[in-house]
Amino acid sequence: MDFYCHPRCGTCKKARKWLEEHNVPYNEISLLESTPSKETWLNILKHTDRTIKSFFNTSGNVYRENNLKDTLPDMSTEQAADWLASNGMVVKRPFAIDDDTYTSGFREAEYENTWLNKGE
């Protein structure tokens, strides 16, 4: 699993601790240095049952500074993928992905359902 996070993010620290406590292997990637590719985002956004907004860090400075609150409702999948791939600070964190399985943000129940059962 690729685990995209911000080094100082409290939610990321909680998720990392959960992964370690449950012996779930992961490859940590800093969202300050890298984010999933546009192609990866396009694949996720086209096949998810979640809203595009659920992948955005709606409390972040980049989101506010670029008025994404106003433009996101009319944004195409292509435009959303461009934003998410271009700036890791736009991505809701932590973002974890393994093949076609992913989680956005950290909710313990979702991690249990997603990552504990991944290898079964």
PDB file of N, CA and C in Angstrom:
ATOM      1  N   MET A   1       0.840  -1.172   0.000  1.00  0.00           N
ATOM      2  CA  MET A   1       0.000   0.000   0.000  1.00  0.00           C
ATOM      3  C   MET A   1       0.886   1.236   0.000  1.00  0.00           C
ATOM      4  N   ASP A   2       0.526   2.208  -0.810  1.00  0.00           N
ATOM      5  CA  ASP A   2       1.168   3.519  -0.763  1.00  0.00           C
ATOM      6  C   ASP A   2       0.342   4.397   0.164  1.00  0.00           C
ATOM      7  N   PHE A   3       0.996   4.954   1.169  1.00  0.00           N
ATOM      8  CA  PHE A   3       0.360   5.748   2.210  1.00  0.00           C
ATOM      9  C   PHE A   3       0.841   7.186   2.063  1.00  0.00           C
ATOM     10  N   TYR A   4       0.006   8.020   1.430  1.00  0.00           N
ATOM     11  CA  TYR A   4       0.343   9.419   1.182  1.00  0.00           C
ATOM     12  C   TYR A   4      -0.090  10.249   2.390  1.00  0.00           C
ATOM     13  N   CYS A   5       0.867  10.989   2.946  1.00  0.00           N
ATOM     14  CA  CYS A   5       0.543  11.757   4.139  1.00  0.00           C
ATOM     15  C   CYS A   5       1.394  13.024   4.214  1.00  0.00           C
ATOM     16  N   HIS A   6       1.047  13.851   5.164  1.00  0.00           N
ATOM     17  CA  HIS A   6       1.816  15.054   5.473  1.00  0.00           C
ATOM     18  C   HIS A   6       2.561  14.743   6.769  1.00  0.00           C
ATOM     19  N   PRO A   7       3.860  15.002   6.811  1.00  0.00           N
ATOM     20  CA  PRO A   7       4.662  14.610   7.978  1.00  0.00           C
ATOM     21  C   PRO A   7       4.147  15.142   9.321  1.00  0.00           C
ATOM     22  N   ARG A   8       3.543  16.306   9.340  1.00  0.00           N
ATOM     23  CA  ARG A   8       3.111  16.893  10.611  1.00  0.00           C
ATOM     24  C   ARG A   8       1.600  16.768  10.862  1.00  0.00           C
ATOM     25  N   CYS A   9       0.900  16.067  10.009  1.00  0.00           N
ATOM     26  CA  CYS A   9      -0.559  15.936  10.121  1.00  0.00           C
ATOM     27  C   CYS A   9      -0.937  14.978  11.257  1.00  0.00           C
ATOM     28  N   GLY A  10      -1.751  15.466  12.200  1.00  0.00           N
ATOM     29  CA  GLY A  10      -2.194  14.646  13.317  1.00  0.00           C
ATOM     30  C   GLY A  10      -3.017  13.445  12.884  1.00  0.00           C
ATOM     31  N   THR A  11      -3.888  13.638  11.901  1.00  0.00           N
ATOM     32  CA  THR A  11      -4.711  12.533  11.404  1.00  0.00           C
ATOM     33  C   THR A  11      -3.835  11.477  10.744  1.00  0.00           C
ATOM     34  N   CYS A  12      -2.816  11.912  10.025  1.00  0.00           N
ATOM     35  CA  CYS A  12      -1.887  10.967   9.391  1.00  0.00           C
ATOM     36  C   CYS A  12      -1.137  10.159  10.453  1.00  0.00           C
ATOM     37  N   LYS A  13      -0.757  10.825  11.535  1.00  0.00           N
ATOM     38  CA  LYS A  13      -0.053  10.133  12.624  1.00  0.00           C
ATOM     39  C   LYS A  13      -0.944   9.063  13.242  1.00  0.00           C
ATOM     40  N   LYS A  14      -2.230   9.373  13.430  1.00  0.00           N
ATOM     41  CA  LYS A  14      -3.166   8.390  13.981  1.00  0.00           C
ATOM     42  C   LYS A  14      -3.304   7.197  13.033  1.00  0.00           C
ATOM     43  N   ALA A  15      -3.410   7.475  11.738  1.00  0.00           N
ATOM     44  CA  ALA A  15      -3.548   6.400  10.752  1.00  0.00           C
ATOM     45  C   ALA A  15      -2.282   5.548  10.708  1.00  0.00           C
ATOM     46  N   ARG A  16      -1.122   6.194  10.731  1.00  0.00           N
ATOM     47  CA  ARG A  16       0.156   5.474  10.712  1.00  0.00           C
ATOM     48  C   ARG A  16       0.252   4.554  11.936  1.00  0.00           C
ATOM     49  N   LYS A  17      -0.134   5.079  13.098  1.00  0.00           N
ATOM     50  CA  LYS A  17      -0.101   4.289  14.334  1.00  0.00           C
ATOM     51  C   LYS A  17      -1.027   3.081  14.203  1.00  0.00           C
ATOM     52  N   TRP A  18      -2.224   3.288  13.643  1.00  0.00           N
ATOM     53  CA  TRP A  18      -3.173   2.194  13.453  1.00  0.00           C
ATOM     54  C   TRP A  18      -2.572   1.127  12.539  1.00  0.00           C
ATOM     55  N   LEU A  19      -1.979   1.546  11.432  1.00  0.00           N
ATOM     56  CA  LEU A  19      -1.371   0.601  10.495  1.00  0.00           C
ATOM     57  C   LEU A  19      -0.281  -0.224  11.179  1.00  0.00           C
ATOM     58  N   GLU A  20       0.540   0.440  11.964  1.00  0.00           N
ATOM     59  CA  GLU A  20       1.626  -0.261  12.648  1.00  0.00           C
ATOM     60  C   GLU A  20       1.094  -1.219  13.707  1.00  0.00           C
ATOM     61  N   GLU A  21       0.086  -0.788  14.462  1.00  0.00           N
ATOM     62  CA  GLU A  21      -0.503  -1.657  15.489  1.00  0.00           C
ATOM     63  C   GLU A  21      -1.160  -2.898  14.898  1.00  0.00           C
ATOM     64  N   HIS A  22      -1.632  -2.782  13.664  1.00  0.00           N
ATOM     65  CA  HIS A  22      -2.306  -3.904  13.011  1.00  0.00           C
ATOM     66  C   HIS A  22      -1.405  -4.611  11.994  1.00  0.00           C
ATOM     67  N   ASN A  23      -0.118  -4.279  12.022  1.00  0.00           N
ATOM     68  CA  ASN A  23       0.874  -4.928  11.147  1.00  0.00           C
ATOM     69  C   ASN A  23       0.492  -4.888   9.674  1.00  0.00           C
ATOM     70  N   VAL A  24      -0.037  -3.745   9.247  1.00  0.00           N
ATOM     71  CA  VAL A  24      -0.377  -3.558   7.840  1.00  0.00           C
ATOM     72  C   VAL A  24       0.829  -2.884   7.173  1.00  0.00           C
ATOM     73  N   PRO A  25       1.471  -3.562   6.228  1.00  0.00           N
ATOM     74  CA  PRO A  25       2.646  -2.966   5.586  1.00  0.00           C
ATOM     75  C   PRO A  25       2.265  -1.793   4.687  1.00  0.00           C
ATOM     76  N   TYR A  26       3.117  -0.780   4.680  1.00  0.00           N
ATOM     77  CA  TYR A  26       2.847   0.394   3.851  1.00  0.00           C
ATOM     78  C   TYR A  26       4.154   1.061   3.439  1.00  0.00           C
ATOM     79  N   ASN A  27       4.047   1.806   2.349  1.00  0.00           N
ATOM     80  CA  ASN A  27       5.149   2.601   1.825  1.00  0.00           C
ATOM     81  C   ASN A  27       4.745   4.060   2.016  1.00  0.00           C
ATOM     82  N   GLU A  28       5.385   4.748   2.947  1.00  0.00           N
ATOM     83  CA  GLU A  28       4.998   6.128   3.239  1.00  0.00           C
ATOM     84  C   GLU A  28       5.559   7.093   2.194  1.00  0.00           C
ATOM     85  N   ILE A  29       4.684   7.958   1.698  1.00  0.00           N
ATOM     86  CA  ILE A  29       5.050   8.950   0.693  1.00  0.00           C
ATOM     87  C   ILE A  29       4.554  10.310   1.172  1.00  0.00           C
ATOM     88  N   SER A  30       5.419  11.284   1.173  1.00  0.00           N
ATOM     89  CA  SER A  30       5.041  12.627   1.606  1.00  0.00           C
ATOM     90  C   SER A  30       4.246  13.337   0.515  1.00  0.00           C
ATOM     91  N   LEU A  31       3.081  13.849   0.891  1.00  0.00           N
ATOM     92  CA  LEU A  31       2.292  14.624  -0.067  1.00  0.00           C
ATOM     93  C   LEU A  31       2.961  15.949  -0.405  1.00  0.00           C
ATOM     94  N   LEU A  32       3.941  16.351   0.378  1.00  0.00           N
ATOM     95  CA  LEU A  32       4.696  17.558   0.050  1.00  0.00           C
ATOM     96  C   LEU A  32       5.608  17.315  -1.142  1.00  0.00           C
ATOM     97  N   GLU A  33       5.993  16.053  -1.346  1.00  0.00           N
ATOM     98  CA  GLU A  33       6.934  15.712  -2.412  1.00  0.00           C
ATOM     99  C   GLU A  33       6.290  15.018  -3.604  1.00  0.00           C
ATOM    100  N   SER A  34       5.174  14.341  -3.374  1.00  0.00           N
ATOM    101  CA  SER A  34       4.584  13.541  -4.443  1.00  0.00           C
ATOM    102  C   SER A  34       3.098  13.327  -4.176  1.00  0.00           C
ATOM    103  N   THR A  35       2.357  13.087  -5.220  1.00  0.00           N
ATOM    104  CA  THR A  35       0.940  12.742  -5.125  1.00  0.00           C
ATOM    105  C   THR A  35       0.649  11.722  -6.222  1.00  0.00           C
ATOM    106  N   PRO A  36      -0.418  10.945  -6.075  1.00  0.00           N
ATOM    107  CA  PRO A  36      -0.739  10.011  -7.159  1.00  0.00           C
ATOM    108  C   PRO A  36      -0.862  10.747  -8.497  1.00  0.00           C
ATOM    109  N   SER A  37      -0.567  10.046  -9.562  1.00  0.00           N
ATOM    110  CA  SER A  37      -0.585  10.638 -10.896  1.00  0.00           C
ATOM    111  C   SER A  37      -1.996  11.023 -11.329  1.00  0.00           C
ATOM    112  N   LYS A  38      -2.056  11.860 -12.342  1.00  0.00           N
ATOM    113  CA  LYS A  38      -3.348  12.256 -12.903  1.00  0.00           C
ATOM    114  C   LYS A  38      -4.110  11.025 -13.393  1.00  0.00           C
ATOM    115  N   GLU A  39      -3.411  10.082 -14.004  1.00  0.00           N
ATOM    116  CA  GLU A  39      -4.051   8.873 -14.514  1.00  0.00           C
ATOM    117  C   GLU A  39      -4.665   8.065 -13.371  1.00  0.00           C
ATOM    118  N   THR A  40      -3.947   7.991 -12.245  1.00  0.00           N
ATOM    119  CA  THR A  40      -4.479   7.278 -11.076  1.00  0.00           C
ATOM    120  C   THR A  40      -5.734   7.964 -10.574  1.00  0.00           C
ATOM    121  N   TRP A  41      -5.680   9.303 -10.471  1.00  0.00           N
ATOM    122  CA  TRP A  41      -6.855  10.049 -10.005  1.00  0.00           C
ATOM    123  C   TRP A  41      -8.029   9.883 -10.961  1.00  0.00           C
ATOM    124  N   LEU A  42      -7.765   9.935 -12.256  1.00  0.00           N
ATOM    125  CA  LEU A  42      -8.854   9.753 -13.228  1.00  0.00           C
ATOM    126  C   LEU A  42      -9.522   8.394 -13.042  1.00  0.00           C
ATOM    127  N   ASN A  43      -8.725   7.366 -12.858  1.00  0.00           N
ATOM    128  CA  ASN A  43      -9.261   6.021 -12.657  1.00  0.00           C
ATOM    129  C   ASN A  43     -10.114   5.971 -11.386  1.00  0.00           C
ATOM    130  N   ILE A  44      -9.612   6.549 -10.319  1.00  0.00           N
ATOM    131  CA  ILE A  44     -10.364   6.554  -9.055  1.00  0.00           C
ATOM    132  C   ILE A  44     -11.664   7.335  -9.209  1.00  0.00           C
ATOM    133  N   LEU A  45     -11.560   8.542  -9.737  1.00  0.00           N
ATOM    134  CA  LEU A  45     -12.735   9.412  -9.821  1.00  0.00           C
ATOM    135  C   LEU A  45     -13.812   8.866 -10.747  1.00  0.00           C
ATOM    136  N   LYS A  46     -13.398   8.153 -11.788  1.00  0.00           N
ATOM    137  CA  LYS A  46     -14.378   7.590 -12.722  1.00  0.00           C
ATOM    138  C   LYS A  46     -15.075   6.352 -12.173  1.00  0.00           C
ATOM    139  N   HIS A  47     -14.457   5.687 -11.197  1.00  0.00           N
ATOM    140  CA  HIS A  47     -15.002   4.421 -10.713  1.00  0.00           C
ATOM    141  C   HIS A  47     -15.449   4.447  -9.257  1.00  0.00           C
ATOM    142  N   THR A  48     -15.417   5.574  -8.628  1.00  0.00           N
ATOM    143  CA  THR A  48     -15.793   5.644  -7.218  1.00  0.00           C
ATOM    144  C   THR A  48     -17.274   5.936  -7.032  1.00  0.00           C
ATOM    145  N   ASP A  49     -17.785   5.519  -5.886  1.00  0.00           N
ATOM    146  CA  ASP A  49     -19.148   5.885  -5.531  1.00  0.00           C
ATOM    147  C   ASP A  49     -19.138   7.108  -4.597  1.00  0.00           C
ATOM    148  N   ARG A  50     -17.963   7.643  -4.340  1.00  0.00           N
ATOM    149  CA  ARG A  50     -17.813   8.827  -3.494  1.00  0.00           C
ATOM    150  C   ARG A  50     -17.884  10.092  -4.340  1.00  0.00           C
ATOM    151  N   THR A  51     -18.123  11.185  -3.671  1.00  0.00           N
ATOM    152  CA  THR A  51     -18.110  12.470  -4.373  1.00  0.00           C
ATOM    153  C   THR A  51     -16.672  12.889  -4.634  1.00  0.00           C
ATOM    154  N   ILE A  52     -16.491  13.684  -5.659  1.00  0.00           N
ATOM    155  CA  ILE A  52     -15.160  14.221  -5.948  1.00  0.00           C
ATOM    156  C   ILE A  52     -14.666  15.028  -4.744  1.00  0.00           C
ATOM    157  N   LYS A  53     -15.564  15.757  -4.137  1.00  0.00           N
ATOM    158  CA  LYS A  53     -15.192  16.603  -2.991  1.00  0.00           C
ATOM    159  C   LYS A  53     -14.556  15.790  -1.864  1.00  0.00           C
ATOM    160  N   SER A  54     -14.946  14.536  -1.695  1.00  0.00           N
ATOM    161  CA  SER A  54     -14.433  13.727  -0.595  1.00  0.00           C
ATOM    162  C   SER A  54     -12.932  13.455  -0.695  1.00  0.00           C
ATOM    163  N   PHE A  55     -12.330  13.716  -1.846  1.00  0.00           N
ATOM    164  CA  PHE A  55     -10.898  13.517  -2.024  1.00  0.00           C
ATOM    165  C   PHE A  55     -10.096  14.800  -1.800  1.00  0.00           C
ATOM    166  N   PHE A  56     -10.798  15.905  -1.601  1.00  0.00           N
ATOM    167  CA  PHE A  56     -10.149  17.204  -1.426  1.00  0.00           C
ATOM    168  C   PHE A  56     -10.034  17.576   0.046  1.00  0.00           C
ATOM    169  N   ASN A  57      -8.908  18.174   0.399  1.00  0.00           N
ATOM    170  CA  ASN A  57      -8.681  18.702   1.741  1.00  0.00           C
ATOM    171  C   ASN A  57      -9.401  20.043   1.826  1.00  0.00           C
ATOM    172  N   THR A  58     -10.670  19.994   2.214  1.00  0.00           N
ATOM    173  CA  THR A  58     -11.510  21.192   2.180  1.00  0.00           C
ATOM    174  C   THR A  58     -11.177  22.193   3.284  1.00  0.00           C
ATOM    175  N   SER A  59     -10.346  21.810   4.224  1.00  0.00           N
ATOM    176  CA  SER A  59      -9.955  22.757   5.280  1.00  0.00           C
ATOM    177  C   SER A  59      -8.573  23.341   5.049  1.00  0.00           C
ATOM    178  N   GLY A  60      -7.948  23.003   3.923  1.00  0.00           N
ATOM    179  CA  GLY A  60      -6.598  23.468   3.647  1.00  0.00           C
ATOM    180  C   GLY A  60      -6.532  24.850   3.033  1.00  0.00           C
ATOM    181  N   ASN A  61      -5.371  25.468   3.164  1.00  0.00           N
ATOM    182  CA  ASN A  61      -5.144  26.810   2.620  1.00  0.00           C
ATOM    183  C   ASN A  61      -5.267  26.842   1.099  1.00  0.00           C
ATOM    184  N   VAL A  62      -4.720  25.853   0.418  1.00  0.00           N
ATOM    185  CA  VAL A  62      -4.749  25.840  -1.050  1.00  0.00           C
ATOM    186  C   VAL A  62      -6.198  25.784  -1.529  1.00  0.00           C
ATOM    187  N   TYR A  63      -7.013  24.989  -0.856  1.00  0.00           N
ATOM    188  CA  TYR A  63      -8.434  24.873  -1.202  1.00  0.00           C
ATOM    189  C   TYR A  63      -9.112  26.235  -1.077  1.00  0.00           C
ATOM    190  N   ARG A  64      -8.851  26.908   0.038  1.00  0.00           N
ATOM    191  CA  ARG A  64      -9.474  28.219   0.275  1.00  0.00           C
ATOM    192  C   ARG A  64      -8.911  29.297  -0.648  1.00  0.00           C
ATOM    193  N   GLU A  65      -7.581  29.341  -0.787  1.00  0.00           N
ATOM    194  CA  GLU A  65      -6.936  30.388  -1.595  1.00  0.00           C
ATOM    195  C   GLU A  65      -7.358  30.341  -3.058  1.00  0.00           C
ATOM    196  N   ASN A  66      -7.691  29.151  -3.533  1.00  0.00           N
ATOM    197  CA  ASN A  66      -8.075  28.990  -4.940  1.00  0.00           C
ATOM    198  C   ASN A  66      -9.586  28.914  -5.130  1.00  0.00           C
ATOM    199  N   ASN A  67     -10.329  29.250  -4.084  1.00  0.00           N
ATOM    200  CA  ASN A  67     -11.796  29.252  -4.139  1.00  0.00           C
ATOM    201  C   ASN A  67     -12.365  27.948  -4.703  1.00  0.00           C
ATOM    202  N   LEU A  68     -11.743  26.828  -4.330  1.00  0.00           N
ATOM    203  CA  LEU A  68     -12.205  25.548  -4.852  1.00  0.00           C
ATOM    204  C   LEU A  68     -13.614  25.217  -4.356  1.00  0.00           C
ATOM    205  N   LYS A  69     -14.014  25.788  -3.235  1.00  0.00           N
ATOM    206  CA  LYS A  69     -15.373  25.584  -2.738  1.00  0.00           C
ATOM    207  C   LYS A  69     -16.390  26.018  -3.794  1.00  0.00           C
ATOM    208  N   ASP A  70     -16.071  27.109  -4.495  1.00  0.00           N
ATOM    209  CA  ASP A  70     -16.990  27.637  -5.508  1.00  0.00           C
ATOM    210  C   ASP A  70     -16.880  26.913  -6.849  1.00  0.00           C
ATOM    211  N   THR A  71     -15.678  26.450  -7.194  1.00  0.00           N
ATOM    212  CA  THR A  71     -15.482  25.837  -8.506  1.00  0.00           C
ATOM    213  C   THR A  71     -15.660  24.317  -8.503  1.00  0.00           C
ATOM    214  N   LEU A  72     -15.487  23.690  -7.345  1.00  0.00           N
ATOM    215  CA  LEU A  72     -15.557  22.232  -7.282  1.00  0.00           C
ATOM    216  C   LEU A  72     -16.898  21.649  -7.731  1.00  0.00           C
ATOM    217  N   PRO A  73     -18.032  22.247  -7.366  1.00  0.00           N
ATOM    218  CA  PRO A  73     -19.308  21.652  -7.788  1.00  0.00           C
ATOM    219  C   PRO A  73     -19.467  21.520  -9.311  1.00  0.00           C
ATOM    220  N   ASP A  74     -18.841  22.401 -10.076  1.00  0.00           N
ATOM    221  CA  ASP A  74     -18.952  22.356 -11.534  1.00  0.00           C
ATOM    222  C   ASP A  74     -17.710  21.788 -12.208  1.00  0.00           C
ATOM    223  N   MET A  75     -16.775  21.299 -11.414  1.00  0.00           N
ATOM    224  CA  MET A  75     -15.504  20.814 -11.943  1.00  0.00           C
ATOM    225  C   MET A  75     -15.693  19.459 -12.626  1.00  0.00           C
ATOM    226  N   SER A  76     -15.051  19.292 -13.761  1.00  0.00           N
ATOM    227  CA  SER A  76     -15.086  18.002 -14.449  1.00  0.00           C
ATOM    228  C   SER A  76     -14.134  17.028 -13.746  1.00  0.00           C
ATOM    229  N   THR A  77     -14.293  15.764 -14.050  1.00  0.00           N
ATOM    230  CA  THR A  77     -13.397  14.745 -13.506  1.00  0.00           C
ATOM    231  C   THR A  77     -11.960  15.040 -13.917  1.00  0.00           C
ATOM    232  N   GLU A  78     -11.781  15.474 -15.146  1.00  0.00           N
ATOM    233  CA  GLU A  78     -10.449  15.814 -15.665  1.00  0.00           C
ATOM    234  C   GLU A  78      -9.833  16.967 -14.866  1.00  0.00           C
ATOM    235  N   GLN A  79     -10.611  18.005 -14.614  1.00  0.00           N
ATOM    236  CA  GLN A  79     -10.109  19.151 -13.849  1.00  0.00           C
ATOM    237  C   GLN A  79      -9.782  18.750 -12.416  1.00  0.00           C
ATOM    238  N   ALA A  80     -10.630  17.943 -11.810  1.00  0.00           N
ATOM    239  CA  ALA A  80     -10.377  17.485 -10.446  1.00  0.00           C
ATOM    240  C   ALA A  80      -9.099  16.659 -10.380  1.00  0.00           C
ATOM    241  N   ALA A  81      -8.909  15.781 -11.354  1.00  0.00           N
ATOM    242  CA  ALA A  81      -7.693  14.960 -11.402  1.00  0.00           C
ATOM    243  C   ALA A  81      -6.453  15.839 -11.564  1.00  0.00           C
ATOM    244  N   ASP A  82      -6.562  16.890 -12.374  1.00  0.00           N
ATOM    245  CA  ASP A  82      -5.447  17.837 -12.529  1.00  0.00           C
ATOM    246  C   ASP A  82      -5.078  18.461 -11.181  1.00  0.00           C
ATOM    247  N   TRP A  83      -6.089  18.938 -10.453  1.00  0.00           N
ATOM    248  CA  TRP A  83      -5.847  19.566  -9.153  1.00  0.00           C
ATOM    249  C   TRP A  83      -5.214  18.586  -8.179  1.00  0.00           C
ATOM    250  N   LEU A  84      -5.792  17.405  -8.062  1.00  0.00           N
ATOM    251  CA  LEU A  84      -5.310  16.426  -7.087  1.00  0.00           C
ATOM    252  C   LEU A  84      -3.889  15.954  -7.400  1.00  0.00           C
ATOM    253  N   ALA A  85      -3.554  15.838  -8.675  1.00  0.00           N
ATOM    254  CA  ALA A  85      -2.216  15.391  -9.058  1.00  0.00           C
ATOM    255  C   ALA A  85      -1.178  16.506  -8.965  1.00  0.00           C
ATOM    256  N   SER A  86      -1.625  17.747  -9.027  1.00  0.00           N
ATOM    257  CA  SER A  86      -0.671  18.859  -9.106  1.00  0.00           C
ATOM    258  C   SER A  86      -0.215  19.388  -7.758  1.00  0.00           C
ATOM    259  N   ASN A  87      -0.977  19.143  -6.698  1.00  0.00           N
ATOM    260  CA  ASN A  87      -0.623  19.730  -5.412  1.00  0.00           C
ATOM    261  C   ASN A  87      -1.103  18.819  -4.286  1.00  0.00           C
ATOM    262  N   GLY A  88      -0.168  18.184  -3.608  1.00  0.00           N
ATOM    263  CA  GLY A  88      -0.503  17.262  -2.531  1.00  0.00           C
ATOM    264  C   GLY A  88      -1.277  17.899  -1.397  1.00  0.00           C
ATOM    265  N   MET A  89      -1.160  19.219  -1.249  1.00  0.00           N
ATOM    266  CA  MET A  89      -1.868  19.893  -0.165  1.00  0.00           C
ATOM    267  C   MET A  89      -3.371  20.000  -0.443  1.00  0.00           C
ATOM    268  N   VAL A  90      -3.788  19.648  -1.640  1.00  0.00           N
ATOM    269  CA  VAL A  90      -5.203  19.651  -1.998  1.00  0.00           C
ATOM    270  C   VAL A  90      -5.853  18.314  -1.619  1.00  0.00           C
ATOM    271  N   VAL A  91      -5.045  17.275  -1.473  1.00  0.00           N
ATOM    272  CA  VAL A  91      -5.540  15.918  -1.237  1.00  0.00           C
ATOM    273  C   VAL A  91      -5.942  15.725   0.226  1.00  0.00           C
ATOM    274  N   LYS A  92      -7.127  15.167   0.439  1.00  0.00           N
ATOM    275  CA  LYS A  92      -7.556  14.815   1.795  1.00  0.00           C
ATOM    276  C   LYS A  92      -6.606  13.737   2.294  1.00  0.00           C
ATOM    277  N   ARG A  93      -6.100  13.942   3.471  1.00  0.00           N
ATOM    278  CA  ARG A  93      -5.075  13.031   3.967  1.00  0.00           C
ATOM    279  C   ARG A  93      -5.481  12.347   5.262  1.00  0.00           C
ATOM    280  N   PRO A  94      -4.858  11.203   5.489  1.00  0.00           N
ATOM    281  CA  PRO A  94      -3.964  10.486   4.593  1.00  0.00           C
ATOM    282  C   PRO A  94      -4.751   9.833   3.452  1.00  0.00           C
ATOM    283  N   PHE A  95      -4.061   9.622   2.367  1.00  0.00           N
ATOM    284  CA  PHE A  95      -4.641   8.915   1.231  1.00  0.00           C
ATOM    285  C   PHE A  95      -3.843   7.638   1.058  1.00  0.00           C
ATOM    286  N   ALA A  96      -4.517   6.500   1.142  1.00  0.00           N
ATOM    287  CA  ALA A  96      -3.847   5.207   1.023  1.00  0.00           C
ATOM    288  C   ALA A  96      -4.420   4.468  -0.175  1.00  0.00           C
ATOM    289  N   ILE A  97      -3.533   3.850  -0.946  1.00  0.00           N
ATOM    290  CA  ILE A  97      -3.977   3.149  -2.157  1.00  0.00           C
ATOM    291  C   ILE A  97      -3.137   1.899  -2.386  1.00  0.00           C
ATOM    292  N   ASP A  98      -3.822   0.841  -2.788  1.00  0.00           N
ATOM    293  CA  ASP A  98      -3.178  -0.412  -3.147  1.00  0.00           C
ATOM    294  C   ASP A  98      -4.003  -1.007  -4.286  1.00  0.00           C
ATOM    295  N   ASP A  99      -3.452  -0.965  -5.475  1.00  0.00           N
ATOM    296  CA  ASP A  99      -4.178  -1.395  -6.678  1.00  0.00           C
ATOM    297  C   ASP A  99      -5.469  -0.578  -6.807  1.00  0.00           C
ATOM    298  N   ASP A 100      -6.622  -1.229  -6.790  1.00  0.00           N
ATOM    299  CA  ASP A 100      -7.904  -0.526  -6.932  1.00  0.00           C
ATOM    300  C   ASP A 100      -8.593  -0.271  -5.591  1.00  0.00           C
ATOM    301  N   THR A 101      -7.854  -0.442  -4.505  1.00  0.00           N
ATOM    302  CA  THR A 101      -8.396  -0.221  -3.171  1.00  0.00           C
ATOM    303  C   THR A 101      -7.781   1.050  -2.607  1.00  0.00           C
ATOM    304  N   TYR A 102      -8.600   1.885  -1.976  1.00  0.00           N
ATOM    305  CA  TYR A 102      -8.077   3.138  -1.430  1.00  0.00           C
ATOM    306  C   TYR A 102      -8.948   3.627  -0.290  1.00  0.00           C
ATOM    307  N   THR A 103      -8.362   4.480   0.526  1.00  0.00           N
ATOM    308  CA  THR A 103      -9.095   5.210   1.560  1.00  0.00           C
ATOM    309  C   THR A 103      -8.620   6.653   1.515  1.00  0.00           C
ATOM    310  N   SER A 104      -9.509   7.539   1.855  1.00  0.00           N
ATOM    311  CA  SER A 104      -9.210   8.969   1.874  1.00  0.00           C
ATOM    312  C   SER A 104      -9.599   9.499   3.250  1.00  0.00           C
ATOM    313  N   GLY A 105      -8.634  10.047   3.965  1.00  0.00           N
ATOM    314  CA  GLY A 105      -8.869  10.431   5.346  1.00  0.00           C
ATOM    315  C   GLY A 105      -8.662   9.217   6.235  1.00  0.00           C
ATOM    316  N   PHE A 106      -8.922   9.373   7.526  1.00  0.00           N
ATOM    317  CA  PHE A 106      -8.769   8.244   8.447  1.00  0.00           C
ATOM    318  C   PHE A 106     -10.005   8.096   9.310  1.00  0.00           C
ATOM    319  N   ARG A 107     -10.656   6.967   9.115  1.00  0.00           N
ATOM    320  CA  ARG A 107     -11.745   6.534   9.986  1.00  0.00           C
ATOM    321  C   ARG A 107     -11.415   5.086  10.329  1.00  0.00           C
ATOM    322  N   GLU A 108     -11.288   4.823  11.623  1.00  0.00           N
ATOM    323  CA  GLU A 108     -10.829   3.509  12.065  1.00  0.00           C
ATOM    324  C   GLU A 108     -11.661   2.362  11.488  1.00  0.00           C
ATOM    325  N   ALA A 109     -12.973   2.496  11.493  1.00  0.00           N
ATOM    326  CA  ALA A 109     -13.837   1.429  10.963  1.00  0.00           C
ATOM    327  C   ALA A 109     -13.561   1.177   9.478  1.00  0.00           C
ATOM    328  N   GLU A 110     -13.351   2.250   8.730  1.00  0.00           N
ATOM    329  CA  GLU A 110     -13.057   2.087   7.304  1.00  0.00           C
ATOM    330  C   GLU A 110     -11.703   1.401   7.108  1.00  0.00           C
ATOM    331  N   TYR A 111     -10.706   1.770   7.915  1.00  0.00           N
ATOM    332  CA  TYR A 111      -9.404   1.112   7.826  1.00  0.00           C
ATOM    333  C   TYR A 111      -9.538  -0.376   8.145  1.00  0.00           C
ATOM    334  N   GLU A 112     -10.308  -0.705   9.182  1.00  0.00           N
ATOM    335  CA  GLU A 112     -10.505  -2.118   9.529  1.00  0.00           C
ATOM    336  C   GLU A 112     -11.146  -2.873   8.374  1.00  0.00           C
ATOM    337  N   ASN A 113     -12.211  -2.311   7.812  1.00  0.00           N
ATOM    338  CA  ASN A 113     -12.920  -2.972   6.712  1.00  0.00           C
ATOM    339  C   ASN A 113     -12.084  -3.054   5.444  1.00  0.00           C
ATOM    340  N   THR A 114     -11.248  -2.061   5.220  1.00  0.00           N
ATOM    341  CA  THR A 114     -10.485  -1.995   3.975  1.00  0.00           C
ATOM    342  C   THR A 114      -9.132  -2.690   4.072  1.00  0.00           C
ATOM    343  N   TRP A 115      -8.331  -2.324   5.059  1.00  0.00           N
ATOM    344  CA  TRP A 115      -6.946  -2.771   5.081  1.00  0.00           C
ATOM    345  C   TRP A 115      -6.713  -4.080   5.831  1.00  0.00           C
ATOM    346  N   LEU A 116      -7.529  -4.397   6.827  1.00  0.00           N
ATOM    347  CA  LEU A 116      -7.357  -5.685   7.512  1.00  0.00           C
ATOM    348  C   LEU A 116      -7.824  -6.825   6.632  1.00  0.00           C
ATOM    349  N   ASN A 117      -8.780  -6.557   5.754  1.00  0.00           N
ATOM    350  CA  ASN A 117      -9.330  -7.611   4.896  1.00  0.00           C
ATOM    351  C   ASN A 117      -8.693  -7.654   3.516  1.00  0.00           C
ATOM    352  N   LYS A 118      -7.765  -6.754   3.230  1.00  0.00           N
ATOM    353  CA  LYS A 118      -7.191  -6.629   1.883  1.00  0.00           C
ATOM    354  C   LYS A 118      -6.522  -7.921   1.425  1.00  0.00           C
ATOM    355  N   GLY A 119      -5.801  -8.574   2.308  1.00  0.00           N
ATOM    356  CA  GLY A 119      -5.047  -9.757   1.899  1.00  0.00           C
ATOM    357  C   GLY A 119      -5.854 -11.047   1.930  1.00  0.00           C
ATOM    358  N   GLU A 120      -7.104 -10.960   2.364  1.00  0.00           N
ATOM    359  CA  GLU A 120      -7.908 -12.186   2.509  1.00  0.00           C
ATOM    360  C   GLU A 120      -8.690 -12.528   1.266  1.00  0.00           C
TER     361      GLU A 120
END
